PDB file of all heavy atoms in Angstrom:
ATOM      1  N   GLY A   1       0.822  -1.206   0.000  1.00  0.00           N
ATOM      2  CA  GLY A   1       0.000   0.000   0.000  1.00  0.00           C
ATOM      3  C   GLY A   1       0.854   1.254   0.000  1.00  0.00           C
ATOM      4  O   GLY A   1       2.075   1.200   0.189  1.00  0.00           O
ATOM      5  N   ASP A   2       0.235   2.387  -0.220  1.00  0.00           N
ATOM      6  CA  ASP A   2       0.962   3.659  -0.294  1.00  0.00           C
ATOM      7  C   ASP A   2       0.122   4.734   0.383  1.00  0.00           C
ATOM      8  O   ASP A   2      -0.810   5.284  -0.205  1.00  0.00           O
ATOM      9  CB  ASP A   2       1.240   4.035  -1.746  1.00  0.00           C
ATOM     10  CG  ASP A   2       2.141   5.259  -1.865  1.00  0.00           C
ATOM     11  OD1 ASP A   2       2.386   5.924  -0.845  1.00  0.00           O
ATOM     12  OD2 ASP A   2       2.604   5.546  -2.982  1.00  0.00           O
ATOM     13  N   LEU A   3       0.459   5.018   1.640  1.00  0.00           N
ATOM     14  CA  LEU A   3      -0.297   6.012   2.398  1.00  0.00           C
ATOM     15  C   LEU A   3      -0.153   7.421   1.832  1.00  0.00           C
ATOM     16  O   LEU A   3      -0.988   8.279   2.109  1.00  0.00           O
ATOM     17  CB  LEU A   3       0.175   6.019   3.857  1.00  0.00           C
ATOM     18  CG  LEU A   3      -0.522   5.058   4.813  1.00  0.00           C
ATOM     19  CD1 LEU A   3       0.032   5.244   6.210  1.00  0.00           C
ATOM     20  CD2 LEU A   3      -2.016   5.275   4.808  1.00  0.00           C
ATOM     21  N   THR A   4       0.899   7.672   1.050  1.00  0.00           N
ATOM     22  CA  THR A   4       1.088   9.010   0.503  1.00  0.00           C
ATOM     23  C   THR A   4       0.161   9.272  -0.681  1.00  0.00           C
ATOM     24  O   THR A   4       0.016  10.419  -1.104  1.00  0.00           O
ATOM     25  CB  THR A   4       2.539   9.219   0.049  1.00  0.00           C
ATOM     26  OG1 THR A   4       2.835   8.344  -1.056  1.00  0.00           O
ATOM     27  CG2 THR A   4       3.504   8.924   1.182  1.00  0.00           C
ATOM     28  N   ARG A   5      -0.463   8.220  -1.198  1.00  0.00           N
ATOM     29  CA  ARG A   5      -1.356   8.387  -2.343  1.00  0.00           C
ATOM     30  C   ARG A   5      -2.774   7.912  -2.080  1.00  0.00           C
ATOM     31  O   ARG A   5      -3.718   8.388  -2.710  1.00  0.00           O
ATOM     32  CB  ARG A   5      -0.785   7.630  -3.555  1.00  0.00           C
ATOM     33  CG  ARG A   5       0.487   8.259  -4.107  1.00  0.00           C
ATOM     34  CD  ARG A   5       0.863   7.648  -5.435  1.00  0.00           C
ATOM     35  NE  ARG A   5       1.921   8.416  -6.087  1.00  0.00           N
ATOM     36  CZ  ARG A   5       2.364   8.174  -7.316  1.00  0.00           C
ATOM     37  NH1 ARG A   5       1.843   7.184  -8.021  1.00  0.00           N
ATOM     38  NH2 ARG A   5       3.315   8.904  -7.837  1.00  0.00           N
ATOM     39  N   ASP A   6      -2.915   6.954  -1.186  1.00  0.00           N
ATOM     40  CA  ASP A   6      -4.228   6.381  -0.910  1.00  0.00           C
ATOM     41  C   ASP A   6      -4.610   6.647   0.537  1.00  0.00           C
ATOM     42  O   ASP A   6      -3.767   6.559   1.433  1.00  0.00           O
ATOM     43  CB  ASP A   6      -4.223   4.869  -1.172  1.00  0.00           C
ATOM     44  CG  ASP A   6      -3.823   4.535  -2.603  1.00  0.00           C
ATOM     45  OD1 ASP A   6      -4.354   5.196  -3.520  1.00  0.00           O
ATOM     46  OD2 ASP A   6      -2.979   3.639  -2.789  1.00  0.00           O
ATOM     47  N   PRO A   7      -5.877   6.960   0.791  1.00  0.00           N
ATOM     48  CA  PRO A   7      -6.295   7.217   2.174  1.00  0.00           C
ATOM     49  C   PRO A   7      -6.233   5.946   3.010  1.00  0.00           C
ATOM     50  O   PRO A   7      -6.317   4.827   2.494  1.00  0.00           O
ATOM     51  CB  PRO A   7      -7.737   7.716   2.016  1.00  0.00           C
ATOM     52  CG  PRO A   7      -8.202   7.145   0.708  1.00  0.00           C
ATOM     53  CD  PRO A   7      -6.988   7.100  -0.173  1.00  0.00           C
ATOM     54  N   LEU A   8      -6.098   6.135   4.303  1.00  0.00           N
ATOM     55  CA  LEU A   8      -6.051   5.020   5.241  1.00  0.00           C
ATOM     56  C   LEU A   8      -7.421   4.359   5.320  1.00  0.00           C
ATOM     57  O   LEU A   8      -8.438   5.022   5.533  1.00  0.00           O
ATOM     58  CB  LEU A   8      -5.629   5.522   6.621  1.00  0.00           C
ATOM     59  CG  LEU A   8      -5.569   4.500   7.753  1.00  0.00           C
ATOM     60  CD1 LEU A   8      -4.486   3.465   7.476  1.00  0.00           C
ATOM     61  CD2 LEU A   8      -5.297   5.210   9.081  1.00  0.00           C
ATOM     62  N   THR A   9      -7.447   3.042   5.121  1.00  0.00           N
ATOM     63  CA  THR A   9      -8.681   2.278   5.244  1.00  0.00           C
ATOM     64  C   THR A   9      -8.437   1.072   6.143  1.00  0.00           C
ATOM     65  O   THR A   9      -7.289   0.672   6.357  1.00  0.00           O
ATOM     66  CB  THR A   9      -9.196   1.791   3.872  1.00  0.00           C
ATOM     67  OG1 THR A   9      -8.179   0.975   3.247  1.00  0.00           O
ATOM     68  CG2 THR A   9      -9.533   2.967   2.967  1.00  0.00           C
ATOM     69  N   PHE A  10      -9.521   0.501   6.638  1.00  0.00           N
ATOM     70  CA  PHE A  10      -9.414  -0.647   7.525  1.00  0.00           C
ATOM     71  C   PHE A  10     -10.234  -1.806   6.974  1.00  0.00           C
ATOM     72  O   PHE A  10     -11.262  -1.577   6.318  1.00  0.00           O
ATOM     73  CB  PHE A  10      -9.892  -0.265   8.933  1.00  0.00           C
ATOM     74  CG  PHE A  10      -9.020   0.755   9.594  1.00  0.00           C
ATOM     75  CD1 PHE A  10      -9.336   2.105   9.547  1.00  0.00           C
ATOM     76  CD2 PHE A  10      -7.854   0.372  10.238  1.00  0.00           C
ATOM     77  CE1 PHE A  10      -8.525   3.045  10.137  1.00  0.00           C
ATOM     78  CE2 PHE A  10      -7.033   1.304  10.843  1.00  0.00           C
ATOM     79  CZ  PHE A  10      -7.371   2.642  10.791  1.00  0.00           C
ATOM     80  N   PRO A  11      -9.791  -3.032   7.205  1.00  0.00           N
ATOM     81  CA  PRO A  11      -8.615  -3.412   7.993  1.00  0.00           C
ATOM     82  C   PRO A  11      -7.324  -3.052   7.270  1.00  0.00           C
ATOM     83  O   PRO A  11      -7.210  -3.257   6.055  1.00  0.00           O
ATOM     84  CB  PRO A  11      -8.758  -4.930   8.144  1.00  0.00           C
ATOM     85  CG  PRO A  11      -9.553  -5.347   6.945  1.00  0.00           C
ATOM     86  CD  PRO A  11     -10.494  -4.217   6.670  1.00  0.00           C
ATOM     87  N   ALA A  12      -6.367  -2.502   8.005  1.00  0.00           N
ATOM     88  CA  ALA A  12      -5.085  -2.092   7.437  1.00  0.00           C
ATOM     89  C   ALA A  12      -4.084  -3.229   7.579  1.00  0.00           C
ATOM     90  O   ALA A  12      -3.881  -3.751   8.682  1.00  0.00           O
ATOM     91  CB  ALA A  12      -4.565  -0.848   8.155  1.00  0.00           C
ATOM     92  N   GLN A  13      -3.471  -3.597   6.483  1.00  0.00           N
ATOM     93  CA  GLN A  13      -2.467  -4.652   6.526  1.00  0.00           C
ATOM     94  C   GLN A  13      -1.172  -4.129   7.147  1.00  0.00           C
ATOM     95  O   GLN A  13      -0.989  -2.919   7.318  1.00  0.00           O
ATOM     96  CB  GLN A  13      -2.209  -5.191   5.120  1.00  0.00           C
ATOM     97  CG  GLN A  13      -3.444  -5.798   4.469  1.00  0.00           C
ATOM     98  CD  GLN A  13      -4.051  -6.912   5.300  1.00  0.00           C
ATOM     99  OE1 GLN A  13      -3.349  -7.817   5.762  1.00  0.00           O
ATOM    100  NE2 GLN A  13      -5.371  -6.854   5.520  1.00  0.00           N
ATOM    101  N   ARG A  14      -0.261  -5.038   7.445  1.00  0.00           N
ATOM    102  CA  ARG A  14       0.936  -4.657   8.185  1.00  0.00           C
ATOM    103  C   ARG A  14       1.814  -3.688   7.409  1.00  0.00           C
ATOM    104  O   ARG A  14       2.464  -2.815   8.001  1.00  0.00           O
ATOM    105  CB  ARG A  14       1.741  -5.899   8.571  1.00  0.00           C
ATOM    106  CG  ARG A  14       2.795  -5.612   9.633  1.00  0.00           C
ATOM    107  CD  ARG A  14       3.510  -6.850  10.048  1.00  0.00           C
ATOM    108  NE  ARG A  14       4.500  -6.585  11.074  1.00  0.00           N
ATOM    109  CZ  ARG A  14       5.608  -7.280  11.239  1.00  0.00           C
ATOM    110  NH1 ARG A  14       5.859  -8.318  10.452  1.00  0.00           N
ATOM    111  NH2 ARG A  14       6.474  -6.982  12.193  1.00  0.00           N
ATOM    112  N   ASP A  15       1.859  -3.793   6.068  1.00  0.00           N
ATOM    113  CA  ASP A  15       2.687  -2.870   5.299  1.00  0.00           C
ATOM    114  C   ASP A  15       2.205  -1.433   5.478  1.00  0.00           C
ATOM    115  O   ASP A  15       3.014  -0.508   5.640  1.00  0.00           O
ATOM    116  CB  ASP A  15       2.713  -3.264   3.817  1.00  0.00           C
ATOM    117  CG  ASP A  15       1.322  -3.339   3.205  1.00  0.00           C
ATOM    118  OD1 ASP A  15       0.350  -3.540   3.944  1.00  0.00           O
ATOM    119  OD2 ASP A  15       1.208  -3.206   1.976  1.00  0.00           O
ATOM    120  N   VAL A  16       0.899  -1.237   5.477  1.00  0.00           N
ATOM    121  CA  VAL A  16       0.344   0.101   5.676  1.00  0.00           C
ATOM    122  C   VAL A  16       0.553   0.546   7.120  1.00  0.00           C
ATOM    123  O   VAL A  16       0.887   1.710   7.382  1.00  0.00           O
ATOM    124  CB  VAL A  16      -1.151   0.121   5.309  1.00  0.00           C
ATOM    125  CG1 VAL A  16      -1.797   1.448   5.694  1.00  0.00           C
ATOM    126  CG2 VAL A  16      -1.320  -0.129   3.805  1.00  0.00           C
ATOM    127  N   ARG A  17       0.386  -0.379   8.057  1.00  0.00           N
ATOM    128  CA  ARG A  17       0.579  -0.022   9.465  1.00  0.00           C
ATOM    129  C   ARG A  17       2.010   0.448   9.705  1.00  0.00           C
ATOM    130  O   ARG A  17       2.251   1.452  10.402  1.00  0.00           O
ATOM    131  CB  ARG A  17       0.248  -1.208  10.367  1.00  0.00           C
ATOM    132  CG  ARG A  17      -1.171  -1.730  10.210  1.00  0.00           C
ATOM    133  CD  ARG A  17      -1.618  -2.542  11.407  1.00  0.00           C
ATOM    134  NE  ARG A  17      -0.747  -3.656  11.720  1.00  0.00           N
ATOM    135  CZ  ARG A  17      -1.022  -4.930  11.467  1.00  0.00           C
ATOM    136  NH1 ARG A  17      -2.154  -5.247  10.834  1.00  0.00           N
ATOM    137  NH2 ARG A  17      -0.196  -5.894  11.827  1.00  0.00           N
ATOM    138  N   LEU A  18       2.974  -0.252   9.128  1.00  0.00           N
ATOM    139  CA  LEU A  18       4.374   0.132   9.320  1.00  0.00           C
ATOM    140  C   LEU A  18       4.668   1.485   8.676  1.00  0.00           C
ATOM    141  O   LEU A  18       5.450   2.281   9.210  1.00  0.00           O
ATOM    142  CB  LEU A  18       5.297  -0.944   8.751  1.00  0.00           C
ATOM    143  CG  LEU A  18       5.354  -2.250   9.546  1.00  0.00           C
ATOM    144  CD1 LEU A  18       6.149  -3.308   8.789  1.00  0.00           C
ATOM    145  CD2 LEU A  18       5.955  -2.028  10.930  1.00  0.00           C
ATOM    146  N   GLN A  19       4.064   1.763   7.531  1.00  0.00           N
ATOM    147  CA  GLN A  19       4.242   3.084   6.910  1.00  0.00           C
ATOM    148  C   GLN A  19       3.741   4.184   7.841  1.00  0.00           C
ATOM    149  O   GLN A  19       4.396   5.213   8.025  1.00  0.00           O
ATOM    150  CB  GLN A  19       3.471   3.157   5.594  1.00  0.00           C
ATOM    151  CG  GLN A  19       4.069   2.374   4.449  1.00  0.00           C
ATOM    152  CD  GLN A  19       3.229   2.501   3.201  1.00  0.00           C
ATOM    153  OE1 GLN A  19       2.860   3.599   2.800  1.00  0.00           O
ATOM    154  NE2 GLN A  19       2.920   1.376   2.586  1.00  0.00           N
ATOM    155  N   ALA A  20       2.564   3.958   8.413  1.00  0.00           N
ATOM    156  CA  ALA A  20       1.993   4.969   9.304  1.00  0.00           C
ATOM    157  C   ALA A  20       2.861   5.166  10.537  1.00  0.00           C
ATOM    158  O   ALA A  20       3.084   6.305  10.983  1.00  0.00           O
ATOM    159  CB  ALA A  20       0.576   4.555   9.714  1.00  0.00           C
ATOM    160  N   LEU A  21       3.387   4.081  11.091  1.00  0.00           N
ATOM    161  CA  LEU A  21       4.229   4.196  12.274  1.00  0.00           C
ATOM    162  C   LEU A  21       5.543   4.884  11.942  1.00  0.00           C
ATOM    163  O   LEU A  21       6.070   5.672  12.744  1.00  0.00           O
ATOM    164  CB  LEU A  21       4.501   2.811  12.862  1.00  0.00           C
ATOM    165  CG  LEU A  21       3.304   2.040  13.411  1.00  0.00           C
ATOM    166  CD1 LEU A  21       3.752   0.691  13.958  1.00  0.00           C
ATOM    167  CD2 LEU A  21       2.577   2.833  14.487  1.00  0.00           C
ATOM    168  N   ALA A  22       6.103   4.604  10.758  1.00  0.00           N
ATOM    169  CA  ALA A  22       7.401   5.160  10.398  1.00  0.00           C
ATOM    170  C   ALA A  22       7.372   6.679  10.337  1.00  0.00           C
ATOM    171  O   ALA A  22       8.373   7.343  10.626  1.00  0.00           O
ATOM    172  CB  ALA A  22       7.866   4.591   9.054  1.00  0.00           C
ATOM    173  N   ARG A  23       6.228   7.243   9.961  1.00  0.00           N
ATOM    174  CA  ARG A  23       6.156   8.705   9.917  1.00  0.00           C
ATOM    175  C   ARG A  23       5.245   9.262  11.008  1.00  0.00           C
ATOM    176  O   ARG A  23       4.833  10.412  10.958  1.00  0.00           O
ATOM    177  CB  ARG A  23       5.711   9.172   8.537  1.00  0.00           C
ATOM    178  CG  ARG A  23       4.301   8.796   8.127  1.00  0.00           C
ATOM    179  CD  ARG A  23       4.044   9.340   6.728  1.00  0.00           C
ATOM    180  NE  ARG A  23       2.629   9.388   6.404  1.00  0.00           N
ATOM    181  CZ  ARG A  23       2.133  10.096   5.396  1.00  0.00           C
ATOM    182  NH1 ARG A  23       2.940  10.808   4.635  1.00  0.00           N
ATOM    183  NH2 ARG A  23       0.848  10.113   5.147  1.00  0.00           N
ATOM    184  N   GLY A  24       4.930   8.420  11.994  1.00  0.00           N
ATOM    185  CA  GLY A  24       4.103   8.862  13.106  1.00  0.00           C
ATOM    186  C   GLY A  24       4.895   9.688  14.107  1.00  0.00           C
ATOM    187  O   GLY A  24       6.119   9.778  14.057  1.00  0.00           O
ATOM    188  N   ASP A  25       4.174  10.269  15.036  1.00  0.00           N
ATOM    189  CA  ASP A  25       4.787  11.134  16.039  1.00  0.00           C
ATOM    190  C   ASP A  25       5.585  10.310  17.034  1.00  0.00           C
ATOM    191  O   ASP A  25       5.070   9.350  17.628  1.00  0.00           O
ATOM    192  CB  ASP A  25       3.706  11.924  16.774  1.00  0.00           C
ATOM    193  CG  ASP A  25       4.293  12.864  17.804  1.00  0.00           C
ATOM    194  OD1 ASP A  25       4.818  13.908  17.411  1.00  0.00           O
ATOM    195  OD2 ASP A  25       4.253  12.534  19.006  1.00  0.00           O
ATOM    196  N   GLU A  26       6.836  10.677  17.234  1.00  0.00           N
ATOM    197  CA  GLU A  26       7.709   9.909  18.117  1.00  0.00           C
ATOM    198  C   GLU A  26       7.184   9.868  19.542  1.00  0.00           C
ATOM    199  O   GLU A  26       7.189   8.812  20.191  1.00  0.00           O
ATOM    200  CB  GLU A  26       9.121  10.500  18.092  1.00  0.00           C
ATOM    201  CG  GLU A  26      10.095   9.773  18.991  1.00  0.00           C
ATOM    202  CD  GLU A  26      11.496  10.345  18.917  1.00  0.00           C
ATOM    203  OE1 GLU A  26      11.967  10.651  17.808  1.00  0.00           O
ATOM    204  OE2 GLU A  26      12.132  10.472  19.982  1.00  0.00           O
ATOM    205  N   GLY A  27       6.719  10.992  20.048  1.00  0.00           N
ATOM    206  CA  GLY A  27       6.240  11.035  21.424  1.00  0.00           C
ATOM    207  C   GLY A  27       5.015  10.168  21.637  1.00  0.00           C
ATOM    208  O   GLY A  27       4.904   9.468  22.648  1.00  0.00           O
ATOM    209  N   PHE A  28       4.092  10.196  20.691  1.00  0.00           N
ATOM    210  CA  PHE A  28       2.886   9.380  20.804  1.00  0.00           C
ATOM    211  C   PHE A  28       3.240   7.903  20.791  1.00  0.00           C
ATOM    212  O   PHE A  28       2.749   7.126  21.624  1.00  0.00           O
ATOM    213  CB  PHE A  28       1.935   9.712  19.649  1.00  0.00           C
ATOM    214  CG  PHE A  28       0.652   8.937  19.667  1.00  0.00           C
ATOM    215  CD1 PHE A  28      -0.379   9.295  20.515  1.00  0.00           C
ATOM    216  CD2 PHE A  28       0.468   7.855  18.832  1.00  0.00           C
ATOM    217  CE1 PHE A  28      -1.576   8.580  20.534  1.00  0.00           C
ATOM    218  CE2 PHE A  28      -0.711   7.130  18.830  1.00  0.00           C
ATOM    219  CZ  PHE A  28      -1.741   7.504  19.687  1.00  0.00           C
ATOM    220  N   LEU A  29       4.105   7.503  19.865  1.00  0.00           N
ATOM    221  CA  LEU A  29       4.488   6.099  19.783  1.00  0.00           C
ATOM    222  C   LEU A  29       5.296   5.680  21.006  1.00  0.00           C
ATOM    223  O   LEU A  29       5.176   4.546  21.480  1.00  0.00           O
ATOM    224  CB  LEU A  29       5.284   5.842  18.508  1.00  0.00           C
ATOM    225  CG  LEU A  29       4.526   6.051  17.197  1.00  0.00           C
ATOM    226  CD1 LEU A  29       5.427   5.746  16.015  1.00  0.00           C
ATOM    227  CD2 LEU A  29       3.277   5.192  17.152  1.00  0.00           C
ATOM    228  N   LEU A  30       6.119   6.583  21.521  1.00  0.00           N
ATOM    229  CA  LEU A  30       6.887   6.274  22.721  1.00  0.00           C
ATOM    230  C   LEU A  30       5.955   6.017  23.905  1.00  0.00           C
ATOM    231  O   LEU A  30       6.149   5.072  24.676  1.00  0.00           O
ATOM    232  CB  LEU A  30       7.842   7.427  23.035  1.00  0.00           C
ATOM    233  CG  LEU A  30       8.790   7.231  24.217  1.00  0.00           C
ATOM    234  CD1 LEU A  30       9.746   6.077  23.963  1.00  0.00           C
ATOM    235  CD2 LEU A  30       9.565   8.524  24.491  1.00  0.00           C
ATOM    236  N   GLY A  31       4.923   6.848  24.047  1.00  0.00           N
ATOM    237  CA  GLY A  31       3.964   6.646  25.123  1.00  0.00           C
ATOM    238  C   GLY A  31       3.214   5.329  24.980  1.00  0.00           C
ATOM    239  O   GLY A  31       3.012   4.608  25.957  1.00  0.00           O
ATOM    240  N   LEU A  32       2.813   4.996  23.755  1.00  0.00           N
ATOM    241  CA  LEU A  32       2.126   3.731  23.535  1.00  0.00           C
ATOM    242  C   LEU A  32       3.054   2.551  23.804  1.00  0.00           C
ATOM    243  O   LEU A  32       2.655   1.557  24.415  1.00  0.00           O
ATOM    244  CB  LEU A  32       1.610   3.661  22.094  1.00  0.00           C
ATOM    245  CG  LEU A  32       0.360   4.465  21.765  1.00  0.00           C
ATOM    246  CD1 LEU A  32       0.028   4.323  20.285  1.00  0.00           C
ATOM    247  CD2 LEU A  32      -0.832   4.030  22.610  1.00  0.00           C
ATOM    248  N   GLY A  33       4.302   2.655  23.317  1.00  0.00           N
ATOM    249  CA  GLY A  33       5.257   1.590  23.569  1.00  0.00           C
ATOM    250  C   GLY A  33       5.501   1.387  25.049  1.00  0.00           C
ATOM    251  O   GLY A  33       5.579   0.244  25.539  1.00  0.00           O
ATOM    252  N   TYR A  34       5.596   2.485  25.782  1.00  0.00           N
ATOM    253  CA  TYR A  34       5.774   2.420  27.231  1.00  0.00           C
ATOM    254  C   TYR A  34       4.578   1.744  27.897  1.00  0.00           C
ATOM    255  O   TYR A  34       4.720   0.953  28.831  1.00  0.00           O
ATOM    256  CB  TYR A  34       5.970   3.837  27.764  1.00  0.00           C
ATOM    257  CG  TYR A  34       6.175   3.958  29.254  1.00  0.00           C
ATOM    258  CD1 TYR A  34       7.001   3.087  29.951  1.00  0.00           C
ATOM    259  CD2 TYR A  34       5.546   4.983  29.961  1.00  0.00           C
ATOM    260  CE1 TYR A  34       7.187   3.227  31.321  1.00  0.00           C
ATOM    261  CE2 TYR A  34       5.722   5.130  31.327  1.00  0.00           C
ATOM    262  CZ  TYR A  34       6.546   4.251  32.004  1.00  0.00           C
ATOM    263  OH  TYR A  34       6.728   4.379  33.361  1.00  0.00           O
ATOM    264  N   SER A  35       3.387   2.038  27.389  1.00  0.00           N
ATOM    265  CA  SER A  35       2.182   1.448  27.974  1.00  0.00           C
ATOM    266  C   SER A  35       2.196  -0.072  27.842  1.00  0.00           C
ATOM    267  O   SER A  35       1.721  -0.774  28.740  1.00  0.00           O
ATOM    268  CB  SER A  35       0.922   2.034  27.325  1.00  0.00           C
ATOM    269  OG  SER A  35       0.712   1.516  26.014  1.00  0.00           O
ATOM    270  N   THR A  36       2.732  -0.596  26.731  1.00  0.00           N
ATOM    271  CA  THR A  36       2.777  -2.052  26.566  1.00  0.00           C
ATOM    272  C   THR A  36       3.717  -2.691  27.578  1.00  0.00           C
ATOM    273  O   THR A  36       3.511  -3.836  27.979  1.00  0.00           O
ATOM    274  CB  THR A  36       3.231  -2.445  25.156  1.00  0.00           C
ATOM    275  OG1 THR A  36       4.615  -2.090  24.944  1.00  0.00           O
ATOM    276  CG2 THR A  36       2.380  -1.771  24.089  1.00  0.00           C
ATOM    277  N   GLN A  37       4.725  -1.957  28.001  1.00  0.00           N
ATOM    278  CA  GLN A  37       5.671  -2.495  28.975  1.00  0.00           C
ATOM    279  C   GLN A  37       5.131  -2.429  30.400  1.00  0.00           C
ATOM    280  O   GLN A  37       5.635  -3.117  31.283  1.00  0.00           O
ATOM    281  CB  GLN A  37       7.003  -1.740  28.888  1.00  0.00           C
ATOM    282  CG  GLN A  37       7.722  -1.929  27.555  1.00  0.00           C
ATOM    283  CD  GLN A  37       8.977  -1.086  27.488  1.00  0.00           C
ATOM    284  OE1 GLN A  37       8.949   0.085  27.118  1.00  0.00           O
ATOM    285  NE2 GLN A  37      10.095  -1.686  27.853  1.00  0.00           N
ATOM    286  N   ARG A  38       4.116  -1.592  30.599  1.00  0.00           N
ATOM    287  CA  ARG A  38       3.528  -1.447  31.939  1.00  0.00           C
ATOM    288  C   ARG A  38       2.255  -2.267  32.105  1.00  0.00           C
ATOM    289  O   ARG A  38       1.488  -2.063  33.042  1.00  0.00           O
ATOM    290  CB  ARG A  38       3.239   0.033  32.226  1.00  0.00           C
ATOM    291  CG  ARG A  38       4.486   0.907  32.229  1.00  0.00           C
ATOM    292  CD  ARG A  38       4.215   2.303  32.770  1.00  0.00           C
ATOM    293  NE  ARG A  38       3.849   2.260  34.184  1.00  0.00           N
ATOM    294  CZ  ARG A  38       2.620   2.485  34.648  1.00  0.00           C
ATOM    295  NH1 ARG A  38       1.626   2.741  33.815  1.00  0.00           N
ATOM    296  NH2 ARG A  38       2.384   2.448  35.936  1.00  0.00           N
ATOM    297  N   GLY A  39       2.029  -3.208  31.191  1.00  0.00           N
ATOM    298  CA  GLY A  39       0.906  -4.110  31.361  1.00  0.00           C
ATOM    299  C   GLY A  39      -0.270  -3.870  30.460  1.00  0.00           C
ATOM    300  O   GLY A  39      -1.208  -4.666  30.434  1.00  0.00           O
ATOM    301  N   TYR A  40      -0.274  -2.771  29.702  1.00  0.00           N
ATOM    302  CA  TYR A  40      -1.389  -2.487  28.800  1.00  0.00           C
ATOM    303  C   TYR A  40      -1.083  -3.045  27.413  1.00  0.00           C
ATOM    304  O   TYR A  40      -0.947  -2.324  26.436  1.00  0.00           O
ATOM    305  CB  TYR A  40      -1.642  -0.976  28.731  1.00  0.00           C
ATOM    306  CG  TYR A  40      -2.075  -0.394  30.056  1.00  0.00           C
ATOM    307  CD1 TYR A  40      -1.129   0.089  30.965  1.00  0.00           C
ATOM    308  CD2 TYR A  40      -3.412  -0.357  30.414  1.00  0.00           C
ATOM    309  CE1 TYR A  40      -1.521   0.606  32.191  1.00  0.00           C
ATOM    310  CE2 TYR A  40      -3.811   0.163  31.638  1.00  0.00           C
ATOM    311  CZ  TYR A  40      -2.856   0.637  32.520  1.00  0.00           C
ATOM    312  OH  TYR A  40      -3.244   1.146  33.732  1.00  0.00           O
ATOM    313  N   GLY A  41      -0.960  -4.345  27.343  1.00  0.00           N
ATOM    314  CA  GLY A  41      -0.640  -4.966  26.068  1.00  0.00           C
ATOM    315  C   GLY A  41      -0.195  -6.405  26.221  1.00  0.00           C
ATOM    316  O   GLY A  41      -0.256  -7.173  25.277  1.00  0.00           O
ATOM    317  N   GLY A  42       0.250  -6.759  27.395  1.00  0.00           N
ATOM    318  CA  GLY A  42       0.556  -8.150  27.681  1.00  0.00           C
ATOM    319  C   GLY A  42       1.727  -8.719  26.912  1.00  0.00           C
ATOM    320  O   GLY A  42       1.759  -9.919  26.639  1.00  0.00           O
ATOM    321  N   SER A  43       2.710  -7.902  26.545  1.00  0.00           N
ATOM    322  CA  SER A  43       3.880  -8.433  25.841  1.00  0.00           C
ATOM    323  C   SER A  43       5.136  -8.199  26.676  1.00  0.00           C
ATOM    324  O   SER A  43       5.212  -7.241  27.443  1.00  0.00           O
ATOM    325  CB  SER A  43       4.041  -7.771  24.466  1.00  0.00           C
ATOM    326  OG  SER A  43       4.263  -6.383  24.604  1.00  0.00           O
ATOM    327  N   HIS A  44       6.096  -9.083  26.514  1.00  0.00           N
ATOM    328  CA  HIS A  44       7.360  -8.954  27.239  1.00  0.00           C
ATOM    329  C   HIS A  44       8.477  -8.874  26.200  1.00  0.00           C
ATOM    330  O   HIS A  44       8.952  -9.893  25.704  1.00  0.00           O
ATOM    331  CB  HIS A  44       7.572 -10.142  28.171  1.00  0.00           C
ATOM    332  CG  HIS A  44       8.783 -10.003  29.044  1.00  0.00           C
ATOM    333  ND1 HIS A  44       8.977  -8.942  29.890  1.00  0.00           N
ATOM    334  CD2 HIS A  44       9.878 -10.780  29.187  1.00  0.00           C
ATOM    335  CE1 HIS A  44      10.126  -9.062  30.532  1.00  0.00           C
ATOM    336  NE2 HIS A  44      10.701 -10.182  30.115  1.00  0.00           N
ATOM    337  N   PRO A  45       8.898  -7.654  25.833  1.00  0.00           N
ATOM    338  CA  PRO A  45       9.822  -7.491  24.714  1.00  0.00           C
ATOM    339  C   PRO A  45      11.291  -7.568  25.125  1.00  0.00           C
ATOM    340  O   PRO A  45      11.668  -7.245  26.254  1.00  0.00           O
ATOM    341  CB  PRO A  45       9.493  -6.087  24.204  1.00  0.00           C
ATOM    342  CG  PRO A  45       9.096  -5.348  25.447  1.00  0.00           C
ATOM    343  CD  PRO A  45       8.406  -6.363  26.331  1.00  0.00           C
ATOM    344  N   PHE A  46      12.111  -7.998  24.182  1.00  0.00           N
ATOM    345  CA  PHE A  46      13.565  -7.923  24.271  1.00  0.00           C
ATOM    346  C   PHE A  46      14.057  -7.210  23.011  1.00  0.00           C
ATOM    347  O   PHE A  46      13.540  -7.461  21.914  1.00  0.00           O
ATOM    348  CB  PHE A  46      14.197  -9.315  24.324  1.00  0.00           C
ATOM    349  CG  PHE A  46      13.833 -10.116  25.536  1.00  0.00           C
ATOM    350  CD1 PHE A  46      12.746 -10.970  25.522  1.00  0.00           C
ATOM    351  CD2 PHE A  46      14.581 -10.028  26.693  1.00  0.00           C
ATOM    352  CE1 PHE A  46      12.403 -11.721  26.628  1.00  0.00           C
ATOM    353  CE2 PHE A  46      14.252 -10.777  27.815  1.00  0.00           C
ATOM    354  CZ  PHE A  46      13.164 -11.619  27.791  1.00  0.00           C
TER     355      PHE A  46
END
């Protein structure tokens, strides 16, 4: 997919999701990533 030419639609496949994250706001993504480590996501990352 190409978010720069096509509007975001759902369900969004992983290629589109990664495009959106790559140009997303660092602070917003940092807060969300932090939330997953504090139990709001149930993942244990390395």
